[in-house]
């Protein structure tokens, strides 16, 4: 059964007009006349049986409905362009698209990608990020990295590593508070604790492992996402609970320190996910092997 697609030229003009903000800007970008842009938009509005733009002074402005539609169209065009690049006969660049949660991408994956690039300089790894609060896997990707395996059996999956959570702080705050390896856990009650909505119970689990389940903070600050909490830790706003090996690069660079390295609580497990129907050329298999080896090497003992 044929896809019932709108006129593709009109879609292309519409996407540019909605993104550029006006017919005139779209005309300049596409090297068309203002009238040609207007005609393409009219064709698409007729096909959809509803208006997409409204006059605002001397300009035609996209409605909120049209802007939402344009975002969907833009993503579809990106997908088509990506597929054409990957499957084109004259393709020179081998592309792997990786979707990872924001913290995993920024703190663990990206710091390790230079090592992959040294081994495979002809492979282009493109990383897109997603919030851990997004339950569904969205977008187009070859490999995803998440803290859960979606139900339904649509993915081949394997664990990369399980995080080990422990207290972290900036070197400056460690010096200011006098924290050292000999510091008692109970001393944490006098400092500010930082926590994240996306990682509930992080302090409670660590305190249980430390044998101080009833300990409470003098003050607690909560942030929506962990990467925001981590920035607050680095800036010396308080003590947080940090996952390792995810933060290994931050510890090695001296951005965070660990006052109680011997005390840790089990954290989340990260999984690599590959769609069962995904194409698996040699460079894709090489990346999967490298990713698995990196996870095994990083896993805490």
Protein backbone atom coordinates (compact mmCIF):
# COMPACT_ATOMS: atom_id res chain seq x y z
CA UNK A 1 0.00 0.00 0.00
CA UNK A 2 1.47 3.34 -1.06
CA UNK A 3 2.38 5.94 1.53
CA UNK A 4 0.03 8.91 1.41
CA UNK A 5 2.69 11.59 1.38
CA UNK A 6 2.17 15.33 0.99
CA UNK A 7 3.90 17.03 -1.97
CA UNK A 8 7.59 16.66 -1.14
CA UNK A 9 8.73 19.95 -2.70
CA UNK A 10 6.10 21.78 -0.71
CA UNK A 11 7.23 19.98 2.46
CA UNK A 12 10.81 21.06 1.85
CA UNK A 13 9.84 24.69 1.35
CA UNK A 14 7.54 24.60 4.38
CA UNK A 15 10.26 23.18 6.65
CA UNK A 16 12.67 25.95 5.66
CA UNK A 17 10.02 28.68 6.03
CA UNK A 18 9.02 27.49 9.50
CA UNK A 19 12.63 27.15 10.60
CA UNK A 20 13.81 30.44 9.04
CA UNK A 21 10.81 32.34 10.43
CA UNK A 22 9.39 33.95 7.30
CA UNK A 23 8.68 33.50 3.61
CA UNK A 24 11.37 36.04 2.75
CA UNK A 25 14.07 34.22 4.73
CA UNK A 26 13.04 30.93 3.14
CA UNK A 27 13.16 32.48 -0.33
CA UNK A 28 16.72 33.67 0.29
CA UNK A 29 17.85 30.29 1.63
CA UNK A 30 16.26 28.32 -1.20
CA UNK A 31 17.05 30.86 -3.93
CA UNK A 32 13.35 31.14 -4.80
CA UNK A 33 11.02 34.10 -5.21
CA UNK A 34 8.70 35.11 -2.40
CA UNK A 35 5.77 34.14 -4.61
CA UNK A 36 7.15 30.65 -5.22
CA UNK A 37 7.48 30.05 -1.49
CA UNK A 38 3.92 31.28 -0.97
CA UNK A 39 2.58 28.94 -3.68
CA UNK A 40 4.32 25.89 -2.17
CA UNK A 41 2.92 26.71 1.28
CA UNK A 42 -0.57 27.11 -0.21
CA UNK A 43 -0.29 23.71 -1.91
CA UNK A 44 0.64 22.07 1.38
CA UNK A 45 -2.13 23.90 3.28
CA UNK A 46 -4.64 22.67 0.70
CA UNK A 47 -3.35 19.11 1.06
CA UNK A 48 -3.58 19.29 4.87
CA UNK A 49 -6.87 21.20 4.72
CA UNK A 50 -5.75 23.71 7.34
CA UNK A 51 -3.63 26.89 7.50
CA UNK A 52 -0.01 26.77 8.59
CA UNK A 53 0.96 30.45 8.51
CA UNK A 54 -0.83 33.64 9.51
CA UNK A 55 -0.04 37.24 8.68
CA UNK A 56 1.68 39.26 11.40
CA UNK A 57 2.27 42.77 10.14
CA UNK A 58 4.25 42.44 6.92
CA UNK A 59 5.34 38.87 7.61
CA UNK A 60 3.79 35.41 7.44
CA UNK A 61 4.44 33.58 10.72
CA UNK A 62 4.08 29.86 11.38
CA UNK A 63 1.46 28.80 13.94
CA UNK A 64 2.47 26.71 16.96
CA UNK A 65 0.82 23.73 15.25
CA UNK A 66 2.91 24.35 12.12
CA UNK A 67 6.14 24.69 14.11
CA UNK A 68 5.50 21.33 15.78
CA UNK A 69 4.80 19.79 12.36
CA UNK A 70 7.99 21.37 10.99
CA UNK A 71 10.09 19.78 13.76
CA UNK A 72 8.75 16.36 12.78
CA UNK A 73 9.47 17.04 9.10
CA UNK A 74 12.97 18.29 9.88
CA UNK A 75 13.77 15.13 11.84
CA UNK A 76 12.46 13.02 8.94
CA UNK A 77 14.65 14.91 6.45
CA UNK A 78 17.66 14.40 8.72
CA UNK A 79 16.89 10.69 8.80
CA UNK A 80 16.63 10.54 5.00
CA UNK A 81 19.89 12.47 4.56
CA UNK A 82 21.64 10.23 7.06
CA UNK A 83 20.40 7.08 5.35
CA UNK A 84 21.47 8.39 1.94
CA UNK A 85 24.95 9.13 3.29
CA UNK A 86 25.27 5.74 4.94
CA UNK A 87 23.94 3.66 2.04
CA UNK A 88 25.08 5.75 -0.93
CA UNK A 89 27.35 4.08 -3.45
CA UNK A 90 30.06 6.72 -3.17
CA UNK A 91 30.02 6.90 0.60
CA UNK A 92 33.46 7.64 2.02
CA UNK A 93 32.64 8.12 5.68
CA UNK A 94 31.49 5.15 7.73
CA UNK A 95 28.90 6.40 10.23
CA UNK A 96 27.74 4.94 13.53
CA UNK A 97 24.87 6.69 15.34
CA UNK A 98 24.88 6.27 19.10
CA UNK A 99 22.03 7.35 21.37
CA UNK A 100 23.01 7.64 25.02
CA UNK A 101 21.63 9.20 28.16
CA UNK A 102 23.12 12.64 28.73
CA UNK A 103 25.32 11.79 31.72
CA UNK A 104 26.62 8.60 30.13
CA UNK A 105 27.43 10.42 26.88
CA UNK A 106 29.17 13.40 28.51
CA UNK A 107 31.03 11.70 31.35
CA UNK A 108 31.85 8.19 30.06
CA UNK A 109 31.40 7.68 26.31
CA UNK A 110 32.74 10.91 24.79
CA UNK A 111 35.95 10.96 26.89
CA UNK A 112 36.73 7.48 25.51
CA UNK A 113 35.89 8.13 21.85
CA UNK A 114 39.36 9.50 20.99
CA UNK A 115 40.72 6.02 21.68
CA UNK A 116 38.24 4.53 19.21
CA UNK A 117 39.13 7.23 16.66
CA UNK A 118 42.81 6.28 16.93
CA UNK A 119 41.99 2.67 16.09
CA UNK A 120 39.37 3.42 13.43
CA UNK A 121 40.05 6.88 11.94
CA UNK A 122 37.71 6.29 8.99
CA UNK A 123 34.62 5.77 11.21
CA UNK A 124 32.46 8.74 12.22
CA UNK A 125 30.70 8.19 15.56
CA UNK A 126 27.76 10.57 15.99
CA UNK A 127 26.36 10.85 19.51
CA UNK A 128 22.86 12.07 20.34
CA UNK A 129 21.65 12.42 23.91
CA UNK A 130 18.40 11.70 25.70
CA UNK A 131 17.19 12.46 29.20
CA UNK A 132 16.84 9.50 31.54
CA UNK A 133 13.28 10.67 32.21
CA UNK A 134 12.34 9.75 28.62
CA UNK A 135 11.01 6.18 28.86
CA UNK A 136 10.87 5.47 25.13
CA UNK A 137 13.81 5.09 22.76
CA UNK A 138 13.33 7.83 20.19
CA UNK A 139 15.05 8.78 16.99
CA UNK A 140 17.23 6.83 14.62
CA UNK A 141 20.33 5.05 15.95
CA UNK A 142 22.58 2.02 15.47
CA UNK A 143 23.45 1.59 19.15
CA UNK A 144 21.73 2.91 22.27
CA UNK A 145 23.11 3.01 25.82
CA UNK A 146 20.55 3.04 28.62
CA UNK A 147 20.05 2.05 32.25
CA UNK A 148 17.29 -0.41 31.31
CA UNK A 149 16.42 -2.90 28.58
CA UNK A 150 13.08 -2.08 26.91
CA UNK A 151 10.54 -4.91 26.92
CA UNK A 152 9.38 -6.50 23.69
CA UNK A 153 12.50 -8.28 22.49
CA UNK A 154 13.33 -5.71 19.81
CA UNK A 155 16.95 -5.31 20.84
CA UNK A 156 20.04 -7.40 21.27
CA UNK A 157 21.44 -6.24 24.60
CA UNK A 158 24.34 -6.79 26.94
CA UNK A 159 25.47 -5.10 30.17
CA UNK A 160 28.38 -2.66 29.90
CA UNK A 161 29.01 -2.20 33.61
CA UNK A 162 27.28 -1.66 36.93
CA UNK A 163 27.89 1.65 38.64
CA UNK A 164 29.26 1.91 42.16
CA UNK A 165 28.04 5.02 44.00
CA UNK A 166 30.03 6.92 46.59
CA UNK A 167 30.36 10.42 48.01
CA UNK A 168 32.04 13.06 45.81
CA UNK A 169 33.07 16.66 46.34
CA UNK A 170 35.24 19.31 44.73
CA UNK A 171 38.87 19.60 45.88
CA UNK A 172 38.12 23.14 47.07
CA UNK A 173 35.22 22.03 49.26
CA UNK A 174 37.23 19.11 50.60
CA UNK A 175 39.90 21.57 51.73
CA UNK A 176 37.35 24.04 53.14
CA UNK A 177 35.59 21.43 55.27
CA UNK A 178 38.74 19.62 56.34
CA UNK A 179 37.52 16.31 54.93
CA UNK A 180 40.22 13.67 54.66
CA UNK A 181 40.45 9.93 54.44
CA UNK A 182 40.29 9.77 58.22
CA UNK A 183 37.11 11.84 58.41
CA UNK A 184 34.18 10.10 60.06
CA UNK A 185 31.02 9.54 58.03
CA UNK A 186 29.03 11.27 60.73
CA UNK A 187 30.80 14.52 59.90
CA UNK A 188 28.73 14.70 56.69
CA UNK A 189 25.76 15.84 58.79
CA UNK A 190 27.32 19.31 59.01
CA UNK A 191 27.62 19.90 55.25
CA UNK A 192 25.22 20.44 52.33
CA UNK A 193 24.11 17.36 50.41
CA UNK A 194 23.24 17.53 46.71
CA UNK A 195 20.91 15.05 45.06
CA UNK A 196 19.00 14.51 41.78
CA UNK A 197 15.37 13.80 40.94
CA UNK A 198 16.55 11.31 38.31
CA UNK A 199 18.52 9.32 40.90
CA UNK A 200 16.21 9.08 43.93
CA UNK A 201 17.48 7.38 47.04
CA UNK A 202 21.16 7.84 46.18
CA UNK A 203 22.11 9.17 49.61
CA UNK A 204 19.92 6.67 51.46
CA UNK A 205 21.55 3.72 49.68
CA UNK A 206 25.05 5.00 50.38
CA UNK A 207 24.29 5.70 54.07
CA UNK A 208 22.96 2.15 54.39
CA UNK A 209 26.22 0.82 52.94
CA UNK A 210 28.16 3.10 55.31
CA UNK A 211 26.28 1.78 58.35
CA UNK A 212 24.73 5.19 59.11
CA UNK A 213 21.15 4.85 57.79
CA UNK A 214 19.72 7.44 60.21
CA UNK A 215 22.23 10.21 59.37
CA UNK A 216 20.65 13.37 57.98
CA UNK A 217 22.10 16.48 56.33
CA UNK A 218 22.26 19.95 57.78
CA UNK A 219 20.95 21.13 54.39
CA UNK A 220 19.95 19.38 51.16
CA UNK A 221 19.64 20.79 47.64
CA UNK A 222 17.84 18.86 44.90
CA UNK A 223 18.31 19.27 41.14
CA UNK A 224 16.32 17.84 38.26
CA UNK A 225 19.09 15.97 36.41
CA UNK A 226 22.33 14.43 37.58
CA UNK A 227 24.57 16.36 35.20
CA UNK A 228 23.28 19.55 36.85
CA UNK A 229 24.01 18.08 40.28
CA UNK A 230 27.50 17.14 39.11
CA UNK A 231 28.17 20.71 38.00
CA UNK A 232 27.05 21.94 41.42
CA UNK A 233 29.48 19.48 43.03
CA UNK A 234 32.34 20.63 40.82
CA UNK A 235 31.56 24.25 41.70
CA UNK A 236 31.78 23.48 45.42
CA UNK A 237 28.11 23.89 46.29
CA UNK A 238 27.99 20.71 48.36
CA UNK A 239 28.68 16.98 48.57
CA UNK A 240 26.98 14.58 46.18
CA UNK A 241 26.74 10.90 45.39
CA UNK A 242 28.69 10.05 42.25
CA UNK A 243 28.62 6.93 40.06
CA UNK A 244 31.83 5.18 39.03
CA UNK A 245 33.26 4.28 36.55
CA UNK A 246 31.01 6.89 34.88
CA UNK A 247 32.94 9.69 36.60
CA UNK A 248 36.41 8.16 36.28
CA UNK A 249 37.55 10.89 33.89
CA UNK A 250 36.36 13.61 36.28
CA UNK A 251 38.24 12.04 39.17
CA UNK A 252 41.41 11.55 37.10
CA UNK A 253 41.23 15.20 35.95
CA UNK A 254 40.88 16.37 39.56
CA UNK A 255 37.41 17.86 39.15
CA UNK A 256 36.00 15.66 41.91
CA UNK A 257 37.49 13.78 44.83
CA UNK A 258 36.23 10.79 46.79
CA UNK A 259 36.48 11.14 50.60
CA UNK A 260 35.28 7.60 51.36
CA UNK A 261 36.59 5.43 48.50
CA UNK A 262 36.17 2.21 50.48
CA UNK A 263 32.42 2.74 50.98
CA UNK A 264 30.19 2.23 47.96
CA UNK A 265 26.62 1.29 47.13
CA UNK A 266 25.47 -0.64 44.09
CA UNK A 267 24.13 1.64 41.39
CA UNK A 268 22.45 1.22 38.01
CA UNK A 269 23.62 -1.08 35.25
CA UNK A 270 24.18 0.41 31.80
CA UNK A 271 23.22 -1.70 28.81
CA UNK A 272 24.19 -1.45 25.16
CA UNK A 273 21.22 -2.01 22.85
CA UNK A 274 21.31 -2.83 19.15
CA UNK A 275 18.07 -3.11 17.14
CA UNK A 276 17.63 -6.68 15.92
CA UNK A 277 16.87 -5.46 12.41
CA UNK A 278 19.85 -3.07 12.26
CA UNK A 279 22.41 -3.39 9.50
CA UNK A 280 25.69 -4.66 10.98
CA UNK A 281 28.60 -3.91 8.62
CA UNK A 282 32.19 -4.53 9.68
CA UNK A 283 32.73 -1.07 11.17
CA UNK A 284 29.55 -1.50 13.21
CA UNK A 285 30.78 -4.82 14.61
CA UNK A 286 34.14 -3.22 15.37
CA UNK A 287 32.44 -0.48 17.37
CA UNK A 288 30.32 -2.98 19.31
CA UNK A 289 33.42 -5.02 20.17
CA UNK A 290 35.25 -1.85 21.28
CA UNK A 291 32.29 -0.73 23.36
CA UNK A 292 32.02 -4.08 25.10
CA UNK A 293 35.76 -4.13 25.81
CA UNK A 294 35.61 -0.57 27.17
CA UNK A 295 32.76 -1.52 29.49
CA UNK A 296 34.60 -4.58 30.77
CA UNK A 297 37.79 -2.56 31.36
CA UNK A 298 35.87 0.15 33.20
CA UNK A 299 33.79 -2.13 35.39
CA UNK A 300 34.69 -1.71 39.09
CA UNK A 301 36.20 -4.75 40.72
